[in-house]
Amino acid sequence: MSTSDMASHFSRQLGTVVVDKTGLAGSYDFNLNWTSDASGGGTFDAPVSAASAASLLAAIQEQLGLKLEPQKGPMQVLIIDHAERPAEPTQN
C-alpha cells in the first residue's frame, strides 16, 4: 500500500486525522505486529482506546521507523446549516 493509504488507515484506527508527510511515492509492503484491545467492537478499522492508541503509536515508530507528530493545521470540513425532507411527489 502507499504511505497515504497507510495514513488513512491509521486515521480510522486512531480516530483522528493522520496526514502523510513522508513524500514517498509508490507502494510498499508493511509488516506491523500489534494487538488492539478491541474496544472498537473488534473491527479492524474502528477507533481504539487511548491506551491501545499509545501502543499502536509505539509499534509504528519501533517497527516501521515512522513517527506520528501532533500538529495543528487547516483541514477541509463540510458544514450543513439546513436540511429538509423532500416534498412528497404529487399524483396526476
PDB file of N, CA and C in Angstrom:
ATOM      1  N   MET A   1       0.841  -1.180   0.000  1.00  0.00           N
ATOM      2  CA  MET A   1       0.000   0.000   0.000  1.00  0.00           C
ATOM      3  C   MET A   1       0.881   1.236   0.000  1.00  0.00           C
ATOM      4  N   SER A   2       0.295   2.342  -0.394  1.00  0.00           N
ATOM      5  CA  SER A   2       1.032   3.597  -0.381  1.00  0.00           C
ATOM      6  C   SER A   2       1.067   4.162   1.039  1.00  0.00           C
ATOM      7  N   THR A   3       1.972   5.093   1.277  1.00  0.00           N
ATOM      8  CA  THR A   3       2.042   5.701   2.602  1.00  0.00           C
ATOM      9  C   THR A   3       0.797   6.553   2.877  1.00  0.00           C
ATOM     10  N   SER A   4       0.188   7.119   1.833  1.00  0.00           N
ATOM     11  CA  SER A   4      -1.052   7.884   2.052  1.00  0.00           C
ATOM     12  C   SER A   4      -2.208   6.951   2.411  1.00  0.00           C
ATOM     13  N   ASP A   5      -2.248   5.746   1.817  1.00  0.00           N
ATOM     14  CA  ASP A   5      -3.268   4.760   2.199  1.00  0.00           C
ATOM     15  C   ASP A   5      -3.050   4.311   3.645  1.00  0.00           C
ATOM     16  N   MET A   6      -1.799   4.140   4.018  1.00  0.00           N
ATOM     17  CA  MET A   6      -1.491   3.740   5.392  1.00  0.00           C
ATOM     18  C   MET A   6      -1.924   4.843   6.363  1.00  0.00           C
ATOM     19  N   ALA A   7      -1.691   6.104   6.007  1.00  0.00           N
ATOM     20  CA  ALA A   7      -2.112   7.216   6.856  1.00  0.00           C
ATOM     21  C   ALA A   7      -3.627   7.219   7.021  1.00  0.00           C
ATOM     22  N   SER A   8      -4.363   6.933   5.959  1.00  0.00           N
ATOM     23  CA  SER A   8      -5.826   6.862   6.039  1.00  0.00           C
ATOM     24  C   SER A   8      -6.265   5.748   6.983  1.00  0.00           C
ATOM     25  N   HIS A   9      -5.600   4.624   6.896  1.00  0.00           N
ATOM     26  CA  HIS A   9      -5.930   3.512   7.784  1.00  0.00           C
ATOM     27  C   HIS A   9      -5.654   3.887   9.241  1.00  0.00           C
ATOM     28  N   PHE A  10      -4.505   4.497   9.496  1.00  0.00           N
ATOM     29  CA  PHE A  10      -4.180   4.913  10.860  1.00  0.00           C
ATOM     30  C   PHE A  10      -5.158   5.973  11.355  1.00  0.00           C
ATOM     31  N   SER A  11      -5.670   6.812  10.453  1.00  0.00           N
ATOM     32  CA  SER A  11      -6.685   7.800  10.838  1.00  0.00           C
ATOM     33  C   SER A  11      -7.910   7.114  11.420  1.00  0.00           C
ATOM     34  N   ARG A  12      -8.352   6.052  10.757  1.00  0.00           N
ATOM     35  CA  ARG A  12      -9.523   5.327  11.249  1.00  0.00           C
ATOM     36  C   ARG A  12      -9.223   4.644  12.583  1.00  0.00           C
ATOM     37  N   GLN A  13      -8.050   4.059  12.713  1.00  0.00           N
ATOM     38  CA  GLN A  13      -7.689   3.360  13.938  1.00  0.00           C
ATOM     39  C   GLN A  13      -7.546   4.324  15.115  1.00  0.00           C
ATOM     40  N   LEU A  14      -6.938   5.467  14.882  1.00  0.00           N
ATOM     41  CA  LEU A  14      -6.653   6.415  15.954  1.00  0.00           C
ATOM     42  C   LEU A  14      -7.802   7.388  16.197  1.00  0.00           C
ATOM     43  N   GLY A  15      -8.754   7.446  15.280  1.00  0.00           N
ATOM     44  CA  GLY A  15      -9.890   8.349  15.453  1.00  0.00           C
ATOM     45  C   GLY A  15      -9.515   9.800  15.310  1.00  0.00           C
ATOM     46  N   THR A  16      -8.472  10.085  14.560  1.00  0.00           N
ATOM     47  CA  THR A  16      -8.019  11.446  14.308  1.00  0.00           C
ATOM     48  C   THR A  16      -7.410  11.502  12.916  1.00  0.00           C
ATOM     49  N   VAL A  17      -7.221  12.688  12.386  1.00  0.00           N
ATOM     50  CA  VAL A  17      -6.659  12.826  11.044  1.00  0.00           C
ATOM     51  C   VAL A  17      -5.155  12.551  11.091  1.00  0.00           C
ATOM     52  N   VAL A  18      -4.706  11.670  10.215  1.00  0.00           N
ATOM     53  CA  VAL A  18      -3.275  11.400  10.047  1.00  0.00           C
ATOM     54  C   VAL A  18      -2.920  11.803   8.623  1.00  0.00           C
ATOM     55  N   VAL A  19      -1.963  12.710   8.482  1.00  0.00           N
ATOM     56  CA  VAL A  19      -1.566  13.235   7.176  1.00  0.00           C
ATOM     57  C   VAL A  19      -0.202  12.659   6.803  1.00  0.00           C
ATOM     58  N   ASP A  20      -0.102  12.143   5.590  1.00  0.00           N
ATOM     59  CA  ASP A  20       1.158  11.591   5.094  1.00  0.00           C
ATOM     60  C   ASP A  20       2.064  12.730   4.645  1.00  0.00           C
ATOM     61  N   LYS A  21       3.140  12.962   5.375  1.00  0.00           N
ATOM     62  CA  LYS A  21       4.113  13.984   5.000  1.00  0.00           C
ATOM     63  C   LYS A  21       5.468  13.358   4.690  1.00  0.00           C
ATOM     64  N   THR A  22       5.479  12.053   4.354  1.00  0.00           N
ATOM     65  CA  THR A  22       6.739  11.370   4.077  1.00  0.00           C
ATOM     66  C   THR A  22       7.343  11.786   2.746  1.00  0.00           C
ATOM     67  N   GLY A  23       6.492  12.142   1.789  1.00  0.00           N
ATOM     68  CA  GLY A  23       6.985  12.469   0.454  1.00  0.00           C
ATOM     69  C   GLY A  23       7.348  11.232  -0.357  1.00  0.00           C
ATOM     70  N   LEU A  24       7.024  10.044   0.160  1.00  0.00           N
ATOM     71  CA  LEU A  24       7.339   8.797  -0.534  1.00  0.00           C
ATOM     72  C   LEU A  24       6.243   8.459  -1.536  1.00  0.00           C
ATOM     73  N   ALA A  25       6.641   8.041  -2.730  1.00  0.00           N
ATOM     74  CA  ALA A  25       5.680   7.639  -3.755  1.00  0.00           C
ATOM     75  C   ALA A  25       5.775   6.129  -3.950  1.00  0.00           C
ATOM     76  N   GLY A  26       4.752   5.558  -4.537  1.00  0.00           N
ATOM     77  CA  GLY A  26       4.761   4.133  -4.820  1.00  0.00           C
ATOM     78  C   GLY A  26       4.128   3.323  -3.717  1.00  0.00           C
ATOM     79  N   SER A  27       4.148   2.011  -3.921  1.00  0.00           N
ATOM     80  CA  SER A  27       3.569   1.090  -2.953  1.00  0.00           C
ATOM     81  C   SER A  27       4.664   0.373  -2.178  1.00  0.00           C
ATOM     82  N   TYR A  28       4.346   0.035  -0.933  1.00  0.00           N
ATOM     83  CA  TYR A  28       5.298  -0.621  -0.048  1.00  0.00           C
ATOM     84  C   TYR A  28       4.616  -1.770   0.669  1.00  0.00           C
ATOM     85  N   ASP A  29       5.414  -2.748   1.074  1.00  0.00           N
ATOM     86  CA  ASP A  29       4.931  -3.832   1.924  1.00  0.00           C
ATOM     87  C   ASP A  29       5.262  -3.465   3.355  1.00  0.00           C
ATOM     88  N   PHE A  30       4.234  -3.360   4.196  1.00  0.00           N
ATOM     89  CA  PHE A  30       4.422  -3.037   5.605  1.00  0.00           C
ATOM     90  C   PHE A  30       4.105  -4.269   6.439  1.00  0.00           C
ATOM     91  N   ASN A  31       4.887  -4.478   7.472  1.00  0.00           N
ATOM     92  CA  ASN A  31       4.623  -5.564   8.409  1.00  0.00           C
ATOM     93  C   ASN A  31       4.618  -4.954   9.800  1.00  0.00           C
ATOM     94  N   LEU A  32       3.432  -4.843  10.394  1.00  0.00           N
ATOM     95  CA  LEU A  32       3.272  -4.232  11.705  1.00  0.00           C
ATOM     96  C   LEU A  32       2.594  -5.230  12.625  1.00  0.00           C
ATOM     97  N   ASN A  33       3.275  -5.624  13.676  1.00  0.00           N
ATOM     98  CA  ASN A  33       2.712  -6.540  14.669  1.00  0.00           C
ATOM     99  C   ASN A  33       2.235  -5.733  15.864  1.00  0.00           C
ATOM    100  N   TRP A  34       0.915  -5.776  16.073  1.00  0.00           N
ATOM    101  CA  TRP A  34       0.304  -5.004  17.151  1.00  0.00           C
ATOM    102  C   TRP A  34      -1.045  -5.619  17.463  1.00  0.00           C
ATOM    103  N   THR A  35      -1.424  -5.645  18.719  1.00  0.00           N
ATOM    104  CA  THR A  35      -2.710  -6.203  19.126  1.00  0.00           C
ATOM    105  C   THR A  35      -3.547  -5.113  19.774  1.00  0.00           C
ATOM    106  N   SER A  36      -4.747  -4.928  19.227  1.00  0.00           N
ATOM    107  CA  SER A  36      -5.680  -3.948  19.770  1.00  0.00           C
ATOM    108  C   SER A  36      -6.372  -4.525  20.999  1.00  0.00           C
ATOM    109  N   ASP A  37      -6.867  -3.645  21.857  1.00  0.00           N
ATOM    110  CA  ASP A  37      -7.664  -4.102  22.993  1.00  0.00           C
ATOM    111  C   ASP A  37      -9.101  -4.372  22.573  1.00  0.00           C
ATOM    112  N   ALA A  38      -9.381  -4.186  21.271  1.00  0.00           N
ATOM    113  CA  ALA A  38     -10.697  -4.459  20.669  1.00  0.00           C
ATOM    114  C   ALA A  38     -11.818  -3.631  21.287  1.00  0.00           C
ATOM    115  N   SER A  39     -11.512  -2.458  21.832  1.00  0.00           N
ATOM    116  CA  SER A  39     -12.557  -1.603  22.393  1.00  0.00           C
ATOM    117  C   SER A  39     -13.470  -1.041  21.317  1.00  0.00           C
ATOM    118  N   GLY A  40     -13.028  -1.076  20.084  1.00  0.00           N
ATOM    119  CA  GLY A  40     -13.838  -0.567  18.985  1.00  0.00           C
ATOM    120  C   GLY A  40     -14.798  -1.595  18.441  1.00  0.00           C
ATOM    121  N   GLY A  41     -15.108  -2.612  19.243  1.00  0.00           N
ATOM    122  CA  GLY A  41     -16.043  -3.626  18.796  1.00  0.00           C
ATOM    123  C   GLY A  41     -15.378  -4.732  17.997  1.00  0.00           C
ATOM    124  N   GLY A  42     -14.044  -4.740  17.966  1.00  0.00           N
ATOM    125  CA  GLY A  42     -13.325  -5.810  17.301  1.00  0.00           C
ATOM    126  C   GLY A  42     -13.154  -5.623  15.810  1.00  0.00           C
ATOM    127  N   THR A  43     -13.620  -4.520  15.251  1.00  0.00           N
ATOM    128  CA  THR A  43     -13.437  -4.314  13.823  1.00  0.00           C
ATOM    129  C   THR A  43     -12.084  -3.690  13.563  1.00  0.00           C
ATOM    130  N   PHE A  44     -11.520  -4.045  12.426  1.00  0.00           N
ATOM    131  CA  PHE A  44     -10.152  -3.634  12.108  1.00  0.00           C
ATOM    132  C   PHE A  44     -10.019  -2.121  11.947  1.00  0.00           C
ATOM    133  N   ASP A  45     -11.052  -1.465  11.425  1.00  0.00           N
ATOM    134  CA  ASP A  45     -10.957  -0.029  11.174  1.00  0.00           C
ATOM    135  C   ASP A  45     -11.647   0.832  12.217  1.00  0.00           C
ATOM    136  N   ALA A  46     -12.059   0.253  13.342  1.00  0.00           N
ATOM    137  CA  ALA A  46     -12.715   1.022  14.389  1.00  0.00           C
ATOM    138  C   ALA A  46     -11.671   1.722  15.252  1.00  0.00           C
ATOM    139  N   PRO A  47     -11.965   2.920  15.762  1.00  0.00           N
ATOM    140  CA  PRO A  47     -11.025   3.595  16.656  1.00  0.00           C
ATOM    141  C   PRO A  47     -10.747   2.764  17.902  1.00  0.00           C
ATOM    142  N   VAL A  48      -9.544   2.895  18.416  1.00  0.00           N
ATOM    143  CA  VAL A  48      -9.120   2.133  19.591  1.00  0.00           C
ATOM    144  C   VAL A  48      -9.106   3.040  20.818  1.00  0.00           C
ATOM    145  N   SER A  49      -8.930   2.447  21.998  1.00  0.00           N
ATOM    146  CA  SER A  49      -8.865   3.220  23.238  1.00  0.00           C
ATOM    147  C   SER A  49      -7.563   4.020  23.282  1.00  0.00           C
ATOM    148  N   ALA A  50      -7.487   4.955  24.229  1.00  0.00           N
ATOM    149  CA  ALA A  50      -6.287   5.783  24.362  1.00  0.00           C
ATOM    150  C   ALA A  50      -5.050   4.936  24.675  1.00  0.00           C
ATOM    151  N   ALA A  51      -5.195   3.945  25.552  1.00  0.00           N
ATOM    152  CA  ALA A  51      -4.059   3.086  25.906  1.00  0.00           C
ATOM    153  C   ALA A  51      -3.612   2.262  24.708  1.00  0.00           C
ATOM    154  N   SER A  52      -4.580   1.738  23.953  1.00  0.00           N
ATOM    155  CA  SER A  52      -4.251   0.946  22.777  1.00  0.00           C
ATOM    156  C   SER A  52      -3.640   1.834  21.689  1.00  0.00           C
ATOM    157  N   ALA A  53      -4.133   3.070  21.565  1.00  0.00           N
ATOM    158  CA  ALA A  53      -3.570   4.009  20.591  1.00  0.00           C
ATOM    159  C   ALA A  53      -2.110   4.306  20.912  1.00  0.00           C
ATOM    160  N   ALA A  54      -1.787   4.449  22.201  1.00  0.00           N
ATOM    161  CA  ALA A  54      -0.404   4.704  22.597  1.00  0.00           C
ATOM    162  C   ALA A  54       0.494   3.533  22.202  1.00  0.00           C
ATOM    163  N   SER A  55       0.001   2.305  22.373  1.00  0.00           N
ATOM    164  CA  SER A  55       0.811   1.151  21.991  1.00  0.00           C
ATOM    165  C   SER A  55       0.926   1.051  20.471  1.00  0.00           C
ATOM    166  N   LEU A  56      -0.120   1.462  19.740  1.00  0.00           N
ATOM    167  CA  LEU A  56      -0.046   1.480  18.279  1.00  0.00           C
ATOM    168  C   LEU A  56       0.992   2.492  17.814  1.00  0.00           C
ATOM    169  N   LEU A  57       0.994   3.687  18.395  1.00  0.00           N
ATOM    170  CA  LEU A  57       1.982   4.703  18.030  1.00  0.00           C
ATOM    171  C   LEU A  57       3.400   4.200  18.292  1.00  0.00           C
ATOM    172  N   ALA A  58       3.596   3.524  19.417  1.00  0.00           N
ATOM    173  CA  ALA A  58       4.917   2.979  19.738  1.00  0.00           C
ATOM    174  C   ALA A  58       5.307   1.910  18.720  1.00  0.00           C
ATOM    175  N   ALA A  59       4.368   1.042  18.338  1.00  0.00           N
ATOM    176  CA  ALA A  59       4.654  -0.014  17.362  1.00  0.00           C
ATOM    177  C   ALA A  59       5.003   0.578  16.002  1.00  0.00           C
ATOM    178  N   ILE A  60       4.294   1.623  15.597  1.00  0.00           N
ATOM    179  CA  ILE A  60       4.571   2.273  14.315  1.00  0.00           C
ATOM    180  C   ILE A  60       5.991   2.817  14.296  1.00  0.00           C
ATOM    181  N   GLN A  61       6.393   3.472  15.389  1.00  0.00           N
ATOM    182  CA  GLN A  61       7.729   4.057  15.438  1.00  0.00           C
ATOM    183  C   GLN A  61       8.807   2.979  15.528  1.00  0.00           C
ATOM    184  N   GLU A  62       8.618   1.985  16.390  1.00  0.00           N
ATOM    185  CA  GLU A  62       9.634   0.957  16.593  1.00  0.00           C
ATOM    186  C   GLU A  62       9.791   0.029  15.390  1.00  0.00           C
ATOM    187  N   GLN A  63       8.657  -0.366  14.790  1.00  0.00           N
ATOM    188  CA  GLN A  63       8.708  -1.364  13.729  1.00  0.00           C
ATOM    189  C   GLN A  63       8.814  -0.784  12.321  1.00  0.00           C
ATOM    190  N   LEU A  64       8.211   0.374  12.097  1.00  0.00           N
ATOM    191  CA  LEU A  64       8.224   0.964  10.765  1.00  0.00           C
ATOM    192  C   LEU A  64       9.154   2.161  10.651  1.00  0.00           C
ATOM    193  N   GLY A  65       9.618   2.671  11.786  1.00  0.00           N
ATOM    194  CA  GLY A  65      10.508   3.829  11.759  1.00  0.00           C
ATOM    195  C   GLY A  65       9.787   5.113  11.416  1.00  0.00           C
ATOM    196  N   LEU A  66       8.476   5.136  11.589  1.00  0.00           N
ATOM    197  CA  LEU A  66       7.681   6.330  11.304  1.00  0.00           C
ATOM    198  C   LEU A  66       7.206   6.940  12.601  1.00  0.00           C
ATOM    199  N   LYS A  67       7.245   8.260  12.680  1.00  0.00           N
ATOM    200  CA  LYS A  67       6.803   8.950  13.887  1.00  0.00           C
ATOM    201  C   LYS A  67       5.605   9.818  13.552  1.00  0.00           C
ATOM    202  N   LEU A  68       4.534   9.634  14.299  1.00  0.00           N
ATOM    203  CA  LEU A  68       3.352  10.457  14.127  1.00  0.00           C
ATOM    204  C   LEU A  68       3.429  11.600  15.130  1.00  0.00           C
ATOM    205  N   GLU A  69       3.450  12.822  14.614  1.00  0.00           N
ATOM    206  CA  GLU A  69       3.576  14.005  15.459  1.00  0.00           C
ATOM    207  C   GLU A  69       2.298  14.826  15.407  1.00  0.00           C
ATOM    208  N   PRO A  70       1.731  15.168  16.568  1.00  0.00           N
ATOM    209  CA  PRO A  70       0.524  16.006  16.555  1.00  0.00           C
ATOM    210  C   PRO A  70       0.859  17.425  16.101  1.00  0.00           C
ATOM    211  N   GLN A  71       0.037  17.947  15.223  1.00  0.00           N
ATOM    212  CA  GLN A  71       0.206  19.308  14.713  1.00  0.00           C
ATOM    213  C   GLN A  71      -1.160  19.917  14.492  1.00  0.00           C
ATOM    214  N   LYS A  72      -1.201  21.223  14.490  1.00  0.00           N
ATOM    215  CA  LYS A  72      -2.427  21.936  14.143  1.00  0.00           C
ATOM    216  C   LYS A  72      -2.273  22.451  12.729  1.00  0.00           C
ATOM    217  N   GLY A  73      -3.368  22.432  12.007  1.00  0.00           N
ATOM    218  CA  GLY A  73      -3.311  22.922  10.640  1.00  0.00           C
ATOM    219  C   GLY A  73      -4.701  22.986  10.050  1.00  0.00           C
ATOM    220  N   PRO A  74      -4.800  23.588   8.889  1.00  0.00           N
ATOM    221  CA  PRO A  74      -6.111  23.702   8.247  1.00  0.00           C
ATOM    222  C   PRO A  74      -6.579  22.342   7.749  1.00  0.00           C
ATOM    223  N   MET A  75      -7.886  22.161   7.757  1.00  0.00           N
ATOM    224  CA  MET A  75      -8.453  20.955   7.186  1.00  0.00           C
ATOM    225  C   MET A  75      -9.793  21.281   6.565  1.00  0.00           C
ATOM    226  N   GLN A  76     -10.176  20.492   5.572  1.00  0.00           N
ATOM    227  CA  GLN A  76     -11.446  20.714   4.904  1.00  0.00           C
ATOM    228  C   GLN A  76     -12.576  20.145   5.757  1.00  0.00           C
ATOM    229  N   VAL A  77     -13.649  20.902   5.843  1.00  0.00           N
ATOM    230  CA  VAL A  77     -14.837  20.438   6.549  1.00  0.00           C
ATOM    231  C   VAL A  77     -16.061  20.770   5.699  1.00  0.00           C
ATOM    232  N   LEU A  78     -17.108  20.025   5.903  1.00  0.00           N
ATOM    233  CA  LEU A  78     -18.379  20.282   5.242  1.00  0.00           C
ATOM    234  C   LEU A  78     -19.379  20.655   6.323  1.00  0.00           C
ATOM    235  N   ILE A  79     -19.980  21.823   6.189  1.00  0.00           N
ATOM    236  CA  ILE A  79     -20.950  22.295   7.169  1.00  0.00           C
ATOM    237  C   ILE A  79     -22.319  22.318   6.516  1.00  0.00           C
ATOM    238  N   ILE A  80     -23.267  21.618   7.115  1.00  0.00           N
ATOM    239  CA  ILE A  80     -24.648  21.622   6.642  1.00  0.00           C
ATOM    240  C   ILE A  80     -25.436  22.466   7.625  1.00  0.00           C
ATOM    241  N   ASP A  81     -25.898  23.614   7.167  1.00  0.00           N
ATOM    242  CA  ASP A  81     -26.602  24.511   8.089  1.00  0.00           C
ATOM    243  C   ASP A  81     -28.115  24.365   8.026  1.00  0.00           C
ATOM    244  N   HIS A  82     -28.618  23.580   7.062  1.00  0.00           N
ATOM    245  CA  HIS A  82     -30.058  23.400   6.963  1.00  0.00           C
ATOM    246  C   HIS A  82     -30.350  22.160   6.122  1.00  0.00           C
ATOM    247  N   ALA A  83     -31.356  21.401   6.519  1.00  0.00           N
ATOM    248  CA  ALA A  83     -31.790  20.240   5.747  1.00  0.00           C
ATOM    249  C   ALA A  83     -33.297  20.083   5.878  1.00  0.00           C
ATOM    250  N   GLU A  84     -33.936  19.690   4.799  1.00  0.00           N
ATOM    251  CA  GLU A  84     -35.372  19.448   4.795  1.00  0.00           C
ATOM    252  C   GLU A  84     -35.649  18.153   4.060  1.00  0.00           C
ATOM    253  N   ARG A  85     -36.741  17.512   4.450  1.00  0.00           N
ATOM    254  CA  ARG A  85     -37.178  16.324   3.720  1.00  0.00           C
ATOM    255  C   ARG A  85     -37.672  16.770   2.335  1.00  0.00           C
ATOM    256  N   PRO A  86     -37.481  15.930   1.337  1.00  0.00           N
ATOM    257  CA  PRO A  86     -38.021  16.294   0.002  1.00  0.00           C
ATOM    258  C   PRO A  86     -39.547  16.304   0.029  1.00  0.00           C
ATOM    259  N   ALA A  87     -40.111  17.115  -0.810  1.00  0.00           N
ATOM    260  CA  ALA A  87     -41.585  17.202  -0.890  1.00  0.00           C
ATOM    261  C   ALA A  87     -42.142  15.887  -1.433  1.00  0.00           C
ATOM    262  N   GLU A  88     -43.325  15.534  -0.957  1.00  0.00           N
ATOM    263  CA  GLU A  88     -43.987  14.325  -1.439  1.00  0.00           C
ATOM    264  C   GLU A  88     -44.339  14.531  -2.914  1.00  0.00           C
ATOM    265  N   PRO A  89     -44.148  13.509  -3.733  1.00  0.00           N
ATOM    266  CA  PRO A  89     -44.497  13.665  -5.148  1.00  0.00           C
ATOM    267  C   PRO A  89     -46.006  13.799  -5.311  1.00  0.00           C
ATOM    268  N   THR A  90     -46.402  14.650  -6.194  1.00  0.00           N
ATOM    269  CA  THR A  90     -47.844  14.825  -6.469  1.00  0.00           C
ATOM    270  C   THR A  90     -48.270  13.829  -7.513  1.00  0.00           C
ATOM    271  N   GLN A  91     -49.490  13.312  -7.360  1.00  0.00           N
ATOM    272  CA  GLN A  91     -50.015  12.354  -8.335  1.00  0.00           C
ATOM    273  C   GLN A  91     -50.938  13.079  -9.282  1.00  0.00           C
ATOM    274  N   ASN A  92     -50.814  12.790 -10.563  1.00  0.00           N
ATOM    275  CA  ASN A  92     -51.665  13.424 -11.587  1.00  0.00           C
ATOM    276  C   ASN A  92     -52.899  12.636 -11.819  1.00  0.00           C
TER     277      ASN A  92
END
